[in-house]
Amino acid sequence: MTNCNVKNELIKLLNRCQDRPDLFNELILKRAPYWSRQMDLCRSVVEYLTTVAYSGNMVGKDFWVAGIVLWWLLTRPKSLCIITGPSQMVLGSVTFKEIRRCLDGALLPFGGKLSSGLKASPAVIEIAPGWQALGFSTTSVERSSGQHAKHLLAVVEEASGVEDYVFDAIDSLGYERLVCIGNPIRAEGKFVDLIRQADRDRADNVPPRLAVNAIRIPSTESPHAHQEKSEFGLADRTWLESMYRKYGKESLWVRSHIDASIPDVAAEQLIDPTWLHHHSSRQRPQVPPTHPVNSTRRSSCDLAEGVGRDSTCIMVLDDWGVLEVVLSNDAGLPEAAATIHRLVSRWNVPHDKITIDKLGIGRNFPNHLARWGITMAIPYAGEGRPQDPNSYVNLRTEAGWKLRNRLDTRHPVYAPPTPAGSPPAMPPRPIPQRDFYFCSGDYYVRLVEELRPLTYSLVGRKSKLMPKDEWATILGHSPDVADALIQSMILTS
């Protein structure tokens, strides 16, 4: 077949695919077929002015976006695609990387230009001058304002966290089609407004060429949700169970990132008071000195200036709960160091299982502890880096989340797997959550009071606790007891 014939056949094939993104994906890009919800998105983009996909994680979003961008460009000569996302790095390392992968395996050779570098701004896929896809971060999307074309597709990724001014910039482009996709992490904003608009457009029988169509895609609808492991990186049983274990099935994170449910409120209470009531009504059993729980003892110290209702709080705990609490609004650093020495000696707490404030007045505290021979205490800063920086914005949030999971009576706990070669071999399995005991003392009333207003919210895929200064303003004093309890969780697995 001559080059001319090959070109004509490709043109015929592309014409066949003009309203069939799914056919383009299989015949031109030579990729695995879209699954049912991706097919729903394809039909929506063909028919509707605006398509809103509010989804859980691992449903093939990036795979689909890359395919839809190339379908638009290659089936519409001199077309334009403007893509915006949370950062230039994310666009370069995820979206445009997936587009390049598509082109590498495509039926037709790509002779255009590809931007190099993960932070190229804008990221570019150019077929010919003016016939291209441009990727701008949401912080620089205004730079796209001079871009216009008869066939213009606009794509907004991670759209739930995008501010209104970004949507205003996108609206000014005069797009032919708009795709907004992301996890529903906020209770308000333009992303949620568009989802509500879709309901109104449907009720008012607005023609698709003028209407918004919203499609919800929970992770649990993944075609591999019941498989142990997905070979294509879609949500599978292993991932779903690990997320339920990490966050809890009723958490805001799971509802947004797995169930794809729009939050009722912007922030949610971290600790349900009924959990505290449940645990406080339980009597701690007596155990012998050799019991394994005794090896989990630790101590935490939240220091205060001793002003107003602010107090220094020193706790001793183990994996079963709180063993002793000393709360004082007149203890200076020498007195706090002496109290820690007394408590850790009484409860046999190893010195490397003591956590202390390292900021503010805590900067000089290690010198006072050293006078008592305590030199291995762990300095703590709530704004420090968490062990899992992909899930939490700071160490304080990560520790708070561990406390939440420990107190949540519904949170799944798993027994460790049986070691290989030790019959019978069994995978991790759910076991009942153990009660968390609270020793008696006046501190408990204050703990309940301090935890009641503490909320967390979502920042993209990360959880974030209410800022401490905002929390203290609500309380009228520093949350010393709750802070000491949260701090103690950094030493748990």
Foldseek 3Di string as FASTA:
>chain_A
DDPVVVVVVVLVQLLVCLLPLQSCCCQFLVDDGQDDLLNVVSNLQSFAQEEEEAEAPQQCPLLSLLSVVVSLLVSDDLEEEEEEEAALLCCQVGNLVSNVNSQVRTPDHQDFDFDDDSNDAFGWDDRDVSRIYTYHYLVPLLVCLVREDPAYEYEYEQQLQRAPVSVVSVVSRVHQHYYYYHFQFAQDHPSVVLVVQQVVCVVVVPGRSHGYHYDYYALCPRPAQDPPDDPVRGHYVVNVVVVCQQQNCPHSLCCGNGVSHHDNHQWDQLADVVLVVVQAVDDDDDDDPPDPQLLFKAKEWEDDPLPDPAWIKIWIATLQATDDIDIGSPDDLLRVLVVVLVVCVVSVHDLLRYEYECDDVNVCNLVSNVVVVRNNYHYDDQQDDPPDVQAARGNLVSLSSLVSLLSPQRNWDWDPFDDPPPPPTDHTDTDGRRRHYDDDDPVSVLLSVLSRPWIWGDDRNYIYIDDQVVSCVVVVHGSNSNSRNSVSSSSPD
